[in-house]
Amino acid sequence: MPEGEDILDYFDATYVNGRFRNVLRNGINILCRTPPRFPPCDWNMFDATVNNTQRTNNQCEGWNNRFTH
């Protein structure tokens, strides 16, 4: 499934683990990860679902309701 690898790599780099970059430390080139642009704590709703707490806000609900009414 090579065509799926591109989207998985993008999702991993953007939302989960961040991108790799080369860092020079003491004359040694080291491969490090940068923080993801949107870390899981910003978008993951697992705990909110398990604890039956809010998973959205009123602004989002109002915007979405415009499509259903």
N, C-alpha and C. Protein backbone atom coordinates (compact mmCIF):
# COMPACT_ATOMS: atom_id res chain seq x y z
N MET A 1 0.83 -1.18 0.00
CA MET A 1 0.00 0.00 0.00
C MET A 1 0.88 1.25 0.00
N PRO A 2 1.74 1.42 -0.99
CA PRO A 2 2.63 2.59 -1.03
C PRO A 2 1.88 3.91 -1.15
N GLU A 3 0.71 3.93 -1.81
CA GLU A 3 0.00 5.20 -1.96
C GLU A 3 -0.53 5.71 -0.62
N GLY A 4 -0.73 4.84 0.34
CA GLY A 4 -1.19 5.26 1.66
C GLY A 4 -0.07 5.78 2.55
N GLU A 5 1.15 5.43 2.22
CA GLU A 5 2.28 5.85 3.06
C GLU A 5 2.47 7.36 3.06
N ASP A 6 2.22 8.01 1.94
CA ASP A 6 2.38 9.46 1.87
C ASP A 6 1.44 10.18 2.83
N ILE A 7 0.18 9.77 2.87
CA ILE A 7 -0.78 10.42 3.76
C ILE A 7 -0.47 10.09 5.21
N LEU A 8 -0.02 8.87 5.48
CA LEU A 8 0.35 8.52 6.85
C LEU A 8 1.57 9.31 7.31
N ASP A 9 2.55 9.47 6.44
CA ASP A 9 3.73 10.27 6.78
C ASP A 9 3.35 11.72 7.06
N TYR A 10 2.46 12.27 6.23
CA TYR A 10 2.00 13.65 6.43
C TYR A 10 1.28 13.78 7.77
N PHE A 11 0.35 12.87 8.05
CA PHE A 11 -0.41 12.92 9.31
C PHE A 11 0.53 12.80 10.50
N ASP A 12 1.48 11.88 10.43
CA ASP A 12 2.44 11.69 11.52
C ASP A 12 3.27 12.95 11.74
N ALA A 13 3.75 13.55 10.67
CA ALA A 13 4.61 14.73 10.79
C ALA A 13 3.83 15.96 11.25
N THR A 14 2.58 16.09 10.84
CA THR A 14 1.80 17.29 11.14
C THR A 14 1.05 17.20 12.45
N TYR A 15 0.54 16.03 12.79
CA TYR A 15 -0.36 15.90 13.93
C TYR A 15 0.14 15.04 15.08
N VAL A 16 1.14 14.21 14.88
CA VAL A 16 1.51 13.25 15.93
C VAL A 16 2.93 13.47 16.44
N ASN A 17 3.93 13.20 15.64
CA ASN A 17 5.31 13.20 16.12
C ASN A 17 6.17 14.37 15.64
N GLY A 18 5.75 15.09 14.63
CA GLY A 18 6.57 16.18 14.09
C GLY A 18 7.49 15.70 12.99
N ARG A 19 8.20 16.64 12.39
CA ARG A 19 9.10 16.34 11.27
C ARG A 19 10.53 16.10 11.78
N PHE A 20 11.29 15.38 10.97
CA PHE A 20 12.71 15.19 11.26
C PHE A 20 13.49 16.38 10.72
N ARG A 21 14.57 16.72 11.40
CA ARG A 21 15.50 17.74 10.91
C ARG A 21 16.89 17.39 11.39
N ASN A 22 17.88 17.85 10.65
CA ASN A 22 19.27 17.63 11.03
C ASN A 22 19.74 18.74 11.95
N VAL A 23 20.40 18.36 13.03
CA VAL A 23 20.94 19.32 14.00
C VAL A 23 22.42 19.01 14.17
N LEU A 24 23.24 20.03 14.12
CA LEU A 24 24.68 19.87 14.29
C LEU A 24 25.03 20.15 15.75
N ARG A 25 25.51 19.12 16.45
CA ARG A 25 25.92 19.27 17.86
C ARG A 25 27.34 18.75 18.03
N ASN A 26 28.20 19.62 18.49
CA ASN A 26 29.61 19.26 18.71
C ASN A 26 30.24 18.64 17.46
N GLY A 27 29.88 19.18 16.31
CA GLY A 27 30.44 18.69 15.06
C GLY A 27 29.83 17.39 14.57
N ILE A 28 28.80 16.90 15.25
CA ILE A 28 28.14 15.65 14.85
C ILE A 28 26.73 15.99 14.36
N ASN A 29 26.38 15.45 13.21
CA ASN A 29 25.06 15.66 12.65
C ASN A 29 24.08 14.68 13.29
N ILE A 30 23.06 15.21 13.96
CA ILE A 30 22.08 14.38 14.68
C ILE A 30 20.71 14.62 14.06
N LEU A 31 19.95 13.54 13.90
CA LEU A 31 18.59 13.62 13.38
C LEU A 31 17.63 13.76 14.56
N CYS A 32 16.87 14.87 14.60
CA CYS A 32 15.93 15.15 15.69
C CYS A 32 14.55 15.41 15.11
N ARG A 33 13.55 15.26 15.95
CA ARG A 33 12.18 15.60 15.55
C ARG A 33 11.82 16.99 16.05
N THR A 34 11.12 17.75 15.23
CA THR A 34 10.56 19.02 15.67
C THR A 34 9.17 18.74 16.23
N PRO A 35 8.65 19.58 17.09
CA PRO A 35 7.29 19.35 17.61
C PRO A 35 6.27 19.40 16.47
N PRO A 36 5.20 18.62 16.57
CA PRO A 36 4.18 18.67 15.52
C PRO A 36 3.47 20.02 15.52
N ARG A 37 2.99 20.42 14.37
CA ARG A 37 2.28 21.70 14.24
C ARG A 37 0.99 21.68 15.06
N PHE A 38 0.28 20.57 15.08
CA PHE A 38 -0.95 20.41 15.83
C PHE A 38 -0.81 19.18 16.72
N PRO A 39 -0.28 19.32 17.94
CA PRO A 39 -0.06 18.15 18.79
C PRO A 39 -1.36 17.48 19.20
N PRO A 40 -1.31 16.19 19.53
CA PRO A 40 -2.53 15.45 19.90
C PRO A 40 -3.33 16.10 21.03
N CYS A 41 -2.68 16.78 21.96
CA CYS A 41 -3.45 17.40 23.05
C CYS A 41 -4.39 18.48 22.53
N ASP A 42 -4.13 19.03 21.33
CA ASP A 42 -5.00 20.05 20.75
C ASP A 42 -6.22 19.46 20.04
N TRP A 43 -6.10 18.26 19.49
CA TRP A 43 -7.18 17.74 18.67
C TRP A 43 -7.76 16.41 19.13
N ASN A 44 -7.09 15.69 20.02
CA ASN A 44 -7.56 14.39 20.43
C ASN A 44 -8.71 14.53 21.43
N MET A 45 -9.84 13.93 21.14
CA MET A 45 -11.03 14.04 21.99
C MET A 45 -11.33 12.74 22.73
N PHE A 46 -10.37 11.84 22.84
CA PHE A 46 -10.60 10.56 23.50
C PHE A 46 -11.02 10.75 24.95
N ASP A 47 -10.24 11.51 25.72
CA ASP A 47 -10.56 11.71 27.14
C ASP A 47 -11.90 12.41 27.32
N ALA A 48 -12.20 13.39 26.49
CA ALA A 48 -13.48 14.08 26.58
C ALA A 48 -14.64 13.13 26.30
N THR A 49 -14.45 12.22 25.37
CA THR A 49 -15.50 11.26 25.05
C THR A 49 -15.68 10.27 26.19
N VAL A 50 -14.60 9.74 26.71
CA VAL A 50 -14.67 8.77 27.81
C VAL A 50 -15.29 9.40 29.05
N ASN A 51 -14.94 10.66 29.33
CA ASN A 51 -15.45 11.35 30.52
C ASN A 51 -16.78 12.04 30.29
N ASN A 52 -17.34 11.91 29.09
CA ASN A 52 -18.63 12.50 28.74
C ASN A 52 -18.64 14.01 28.97
N THR A 53 -17.55 14.68 28.58
CA THR A 53 -17.48 16.14 28.68
C THR A 53 -17.58 16.74 27.28
N GLN A 54 -17.61 18.07 27.20
CA GLN A 54 -17.79 18.74 25.92
C GLN A 54 -16.63 18.44 24.96
N ARG A 55 -17.00 18.22 23.71
CA ARG A 55 -16.00 17.98 22.67
C ARG A 55 -15.99 19.10 21.65
N THR A 56 -16.79 20.11 21.85
CA THR A 56 -16.87 21.24 20.92
C THR A 56 -17.23 22.48 21.71
N ASN A 57 -17.40 23.59 21.03
CA ASN A 57 -17.84 24.80 21.71
C ASN A 57 -19.05 25.37 20.98
N ASN A 58 -19.68 26.36 21.55
CA ASN A 58 -20.89 26.92 20.96
C ASN A 58 -20.64 27.55 19.60
N GLN A 59 -19.48 28.15 19.39
CA GLN A 59 -19.19 28.74 18.08
C GLN A 59 -19.19 27.67 16.99
N CYS A 60 -18.57 26.55 17.27
CA CYS A 60 -18.53 25.47 16.28
C CYS A 60 -19.93 24.91 16.05
N GLU A 61 -20.68 24.73 17.11
CA GLU A 61 -22.03 24.19 16.98
C GLU A 61 -22.90 25.12 16.14
N GLY A 62 -22.84 26.42 16.40
CA GLY A 62 -23.63 27.37 15.63
C GLY A 62 -23.27 27.37 14.16
N TRP A 63 -21.98 27.29 13.87
CA TRP A 63 -21.53 27.26 12.49
C TRP A 63 -22.02 26.00 11.79
N ASN A 64 -21.92 24.86 12.46
CA ASN A 64 -22.36 23.59 11.88
C ASN A 64 -23.88 23.53 11.73
N ASN A 65 -24.61 24.13 12.66
CA ASN A 65 -26.07 24.08 12.60
C ASN A 65 -26.62 24.84 11.40
N ARG A 66 -25.88 25.80 10.87
CA ARG A 66 -26.35 26.53 9.69
C ARG A 66 -26.55 25.60 8.50
N PHE A 67 -25.82 24.51 8.47
CA PHE A 67 -25.94 23.58 7.35
C PHE A 67 -27.13 22.64 7.49
N THR A 68 -27.61 22.45 8.69
CA THR A 68 -28.69 21.48 8.90
C THR A 68 -30.07 22.12 8.93
N HIS A 69 -30.15 23.44 9.07
CA HIS A 69 -31.47 24.10 9.16
C HIS A 69 -31.71 24.99 7.98
